[in-house]
Amino acid sequence: MSHSLNLRLIIRVIGRISIIVTVALLITAIIALIFSESVRPFLYSSFITIAIGIVLNYFPKVQANEEIIQRKDAFFSVTVSWFY
């Protein structure tokens, strides 16, 4: 039985990963503040990443029956997140 990729769900997963990456960037910005380093690059990266994450997380309308992620969808999501 062939199963096509659930792109809406994959896009949403990538959006959530993007939001998690933003939290990590903000933590590094706080550490940069502590060590009197430039915070601006971290903040620019954080704003870009959170904007992408919000768009990818909330733009695709995922139905309740599409919330179940299949193995093929999970593998593709992990692969894309490594490139991202």
Protein backbone atom coordinates (compact mmCIF):
# COMPACT_ATOMS: atom_id res chain seq x y z
CA MET A 1 0.00 0.00 0.00
CA SER A 2 1.51 3.28 -1.10
CA HIS A 3 1.34 6.25 1.20
CA SER A 4 2.01 9.75 -0.03
CA LEU A 5 3.68 12.32 2.18
CA ASN A 6 1.44 14.48 4.35
CA LEU A 7 3.06 17.79 3.44
CA ARG A 8 0.82 19.93 5.64
CA LEU A 9 1.79 17.94 8.71
CA ILE A 10 5.48 17.95 7.73
CA ILE A 11 5.42 21.74 7.26
CA ARG A 12 3.83 22.12 10.68
CA VAL A 13 6.48 19.90 12.30
CA ILE A 14 9.26 21.94 10.65
CA GLY A 15 7.58 25.09 12.00
CA ARG A 16 7.62 23.71 15.52
CA ILE A 17 11.27 22.73 15.19
CA SER A 18 11.98 26.26 14.01
CA ILE A 19 10.35 27.69 17.13
CA ILE A 20 12.48 25.40 19.32
CA VAL A 21 15.61 26.58 17.48
CA THR A 22 14.55 30.16 18.26
CA VAL A 23 14.54 29.37 21.97
CA ALA A 24 18.09 28.04 21.66
CA LEU A 25 19.15 31.20 19.82
CA LEU A 26 17.66 33.39 22.54
CA ILE A 27 19.54 31.43 25.20
CA THR A 28 22.79 32.07 23.34
CA ALA A 29 21.87 35.75 23.12
CA ILE A 30 21.53 35.86 26.90
CA ILE A 31 24.94 34.21 27.25
CA ALA A 32 26.38 36.77 24.82
CA LEU A 33 24.98 39.53 27.04
CA ILE A 34 26.61 38.00 30.10
CA PHE A 35 30.00 37.93 28.36
CA SER A 36 29.57 41.44 26.88
CA GLU A 37 29.52 40.16 23.29
CA SER A 38 27.43 41.45 20.42
CA VAL A 39 23.83 40.30 20.74
CA ARG A 40 22.58 41.74 17.46
CA PRO A 41 23.42 38.70 15.24
CA PHE A 42 21.60 36.37 17.61
CA LEU A 43 18.55 38.63 17.73
CA TYR A 44 18.40 38.99 13.94
CA SER A 45 18.63 35.23 13.56
CA SER A 46 16.00 34.75 16.26
CA PHE A 47 13.52 37.11 14.61
CA ILE A 48 13.96 35.49 11.20
CA THR A 49 13.67 31.98 12.63
CA ILE A 50 10.61 32.74 14.76
CA ALA A 51 8.88 34.40 11.80
CA ILE A 52 9.50 31.34 9.65
CA GLY A 53 8.41 29.06 12.49
CA ILE A 54 5.16 30.91 13.10
CA VAL A 55 4.27 30.94 9.42
CA LEU A 56 5.09 27.25 8.98
CA ASN A 57 3.34 26.24 12.19
CA TYR A 58 0.08 28.13 11.75
CA PHE A 59 -0.31 28.47 7.98
CA PRO A 60 -1.15 24.88 6.99
CA LYS A 61 -4.56 23.84 8.23
CA VAL A 62 -4.13 20.28 9.46
CA GLN A 63 -7.31 18.29 9.97
CA ALA A 64 -7.75 16.08 13.02
CA ASN A 65 -7.45 12.92 10.92
CA GLU A 66 -4.14 14.20 9.48
CA GLU A 67 -2.47 14.60 12.89
CA ILE A 68 -1.18 11.02 12.86
CA ILE A 69 2.35 11.06 11.49
CA GLN A 70 3.45 8.05 9.49
CA ARG A 71 6.99 6.69 9.44
CA LYS A 72 7.65 8.11 5.97
CA ASP A 73 6.51 11.56 7.14
CA ALA A 74 8.75 11.36 10.21
CA PHE A 75 11.82 10.38 8.18
CA PHE A 76 11.22 13.23 5.75
CA SER A 77 10.69 15.72 8.60
CA VAL A 78 13.96 14.72 10.25
CA THR A 79 15.83 14.96 6.94
CA VAL A 80 14.47 18.43 6.20
CA SER A 81 15.17 19.62 9.74
CA TRP A 82 18.82 18.60 9.41
CA PHE A 83 19.12 20.71 6.27
CA TYR A 84 17.33 23.58 7.96
